[in-house]
Amino acid sequence: QVQLVESGGGLVQAGGSLRLSCVASRNIFSIAVLGWYRQGPGKQRELVATITSGGSTKYGDSVKGRFTISSDNVKNTVYLQMNSLKPEDTAVYSCNAAAILGHFNYWGQGTQVTVSS
């Protein structure tokens, strides 16, 4: 079992920035795709960004050019730098680790991000 613990959420004005962090209890970066997902009020959960051990990244259309995902394999941490935040970015952001071979899928507890207009 792996625990994922997110931090860095909070309240920010539109146009501002936040950086989210997700620390894994052990190093699984080489065997998993790490990602951030979000669920806004009354919305379905959606992909924000993912990153592979090789550094390949994927972004949801609504955050391209504004958000950047990165990882630090030594610290077992994946980050989400969020710039030019908009009120529609308001959501609970959750960290995910999905095994490349499909044998595990872990979620963090989520961190709230609120963007005021």
Protein backbone atom coordinates (compact mmCIF):
# COMPACT_ATOMS: atom_id res chain seq x y z
CA GLN A 1 0.00 0.00 0.00
CA VAL A 2 1.19 3.51 -0.82
CA GLN A 3 -0.06 6.70 0.77
CA LEU A 4 -0.24 9.90 -1.25
CA VAL A 5 -0.42 13.15 0.69
CA GLU A 6 -1.23 16.40 -1.08
CA SER A 7 -0.53 19.91 0.14
CA GLY A 8 -0.42 23.45 -1.17
CA GLY A 9 -4.07 24.17 -1.80
CA GLY A 10 -5.78 27.32 -0.64
CA LEU A 11 -7.55 30.49 -1.62
CA VAL A 12 -6.08 32.69 -4.35
CA GLN A 13 -7.31 35.55 -6.49
CA ALA A 14 -7.82 35.13 -10.20
CA GLY A 15 -4.55 35.53 -12.04
CA GLY A 16 -2.56 34.21 -9.12
CA SER A 17 -0.46 31.09 -8.71
CA LEU A 18 -0.27 28.06 -6.44
CA ARG A 19 1.97 25.04 -6.31
CA LEU A 20 0.58 21.72 -5.20
CA SER A 21 2.76 18.91 -3.87
CA CYS A 22 2.04 15.21 -3.54
CA VAL A 23 4.40 13.03 -1.50
CA ALA A 24 4.33 9.26 -1.90
CA SER A 25 5.14 7.06 1.10
CA ARG A 26 7.55 5.04 -1.03
CA ASN A 27 9.16 5.35 -4.43
CA ILE A 28 6.86 4.05 -7.14
CA PHE A 29 7.72 6.58 -9.78
CA SER A 30 9.51 4.10 -12.02
CA ILE A 31 6.50 1.78 -12.22
CA ALA A 32 3.62 4.27 -12.26
CA VAL A 33 2.13 7.20 -14.05
CA LEU A 34 1.67 10.05 -11.60
CA GLY A 35 -1.08 12.53 -12.11
CA TRP A 36 -3.33 15.26 -10.85
CA TYR A 37 -7.09 15.20 -11.27
CA ARG A 38 -9.71 17.66 -10.09
CA GLN A 39 -13.41 17.74 -9.34
CA GLY A 40 -15.19 21.05 -9.22
CA PRO A 41 -18.58 21.74 -7.65
CA GLY A 42 -21.25 19.85 -9.55
CA LYS A 43 -18.73 18.54 -12.06
CA GLN A 44 -17.22 15.20 -12.91
CA ARG A 45 -13.62 14.47 -12.07
CA GLU A 46 -11.31 15.46 -14.89
CA LEU A 47 -7.68 15.00 -15.82
CA VAL A 48 -5.41 17.91 -15.04
CA ALA A 49 -1.98 16.48 -15.86
CA THR A 50 0.07 13.30 -15.80
CA ILE A 51 3.77 12.52 -15.91
CA THR A 52 5.67 9.30 -16.56
CA SER A 53 8.99 8.16 -15.17
CA GLY A 54 10.54 9.18 -18.45
CA GLY A 55 9.25 12.72 -18.07
CA SER A 56 6.49 12.57 -20.67
CA THR A 57 3.61 14.84 -19.74
CA LYS A 58 -0.02 15.14 -20.68
CA TYR A 59 -2.41 17.99 -19.86
CA GLY A 60 -6.11 18.58 -19.91
CA ASP A 61 -7.14 21.09 -22.55
CA SER A 62 -8.39 23.61 -20.02
CA VAL A 63 -5.00 23.93 -18.28
CA LYS A 64 -2.55 23.72 -21.17
CA GLY A 65 -0.09 26.58 -21.12
CA ARG A 66 -0.99 27.53 -17.54
CA PHE A 67 -0.18 24.46 -15.43
CA THR A 68 3.05 22.47 -15.27
CA ILE A 69 3.52 19.02 -13.76
CA SER A 70 6.92 17.87 -12.56
CA SER A 71 8.40 15.22 -10.31
CA ASP A 72 11.34 14.70 -7.99
CA ASN A 73 12.15 11.01 -7.81
CA VAL A 74 14.54 11.49 -4.89
CA LYS A 75 11.86 13.18 -2.78
CA ASN A 76 9.06 10.88 -4.02
CA THR A 77 7.13 14.03 -4.85
CA VAL A 78 5.09 15.21 -7.80
CA TYR A 79 4.26 18.88 -8.19
CA LEU A 80 1.65 20.91 -10.00
CA GLN A 81 2.56 24.52 -10.67
CA MET A 82 -0.61 26.45 -11.43
CA ASN A 83 -0.34 29.91 -12.97
CA SER A 84 -2.91 32.37 -14.30
CA LEU A 85 -5.56 30.76 -12.17
CA LYS A 86 -9.21 31.28 -13.08
CA PRO A 87 -12.37 30.93 -10.97
CA GLU A 88 -13.25 27.86 -13.03
CA ASP A 89 -10.11 26.17 -11.70
CA THR A 90 -11.82 25.98 -8.31
CA ALA A 91 -11.92 22.29 -7.36
CA VAL A 92 -10.60 19.57 -5.12
CA TYR A 93 -7.29 18.48 -6.62
CA SER A 94 -6.28 14.87 -6.06
CA CYS A 95 -3.02 13.09 -6.68
CA ASN A 96 -3.05 9.71 -8.40
CA ALA A 97 -0.51 6.94 -8.94
CA ALA A 98 -1.51 4.36 -11.51
CA ALA A 99 0.67 1.35 -12.08
CA ILE A 100 1.93 0.97 -15.62
CA LEU A 101 1.10 -2.73 -15.42
CA GLY A 102 -2.30 -2.00 -13.90
CA HIS A 103 -1.85 -3.72 -10.57
CA PHE A 104 -2.46 -0.69 -8.39
CA ASN A 105 -4.20 2.65 -8.47
CA TYR A 106 -3.74 4.95 -5.48
CA TRP A 107 -5.39 8.26 -4.65
CA GLY A 108 -4.59 11.00 -2.20
CA GLN A 109 -7.19 12.61 0.00
CA GLY A 110 -7.35 15.78 -2.09
CA THR A 111 -6.62 19.43 -1.47
CA GLN A 112 -9.03 22.29 -2.04
CA VAL A 113 -8.15 25.07 -4.45
CA THR A 114 -10.44 28.08 -4.52
CA VAL A 115 -9.95 30.90 -7.00
CA SER A 116 -11.85 34.11 -6.32
CA SER A 117 -12.83 36.55 -9.05
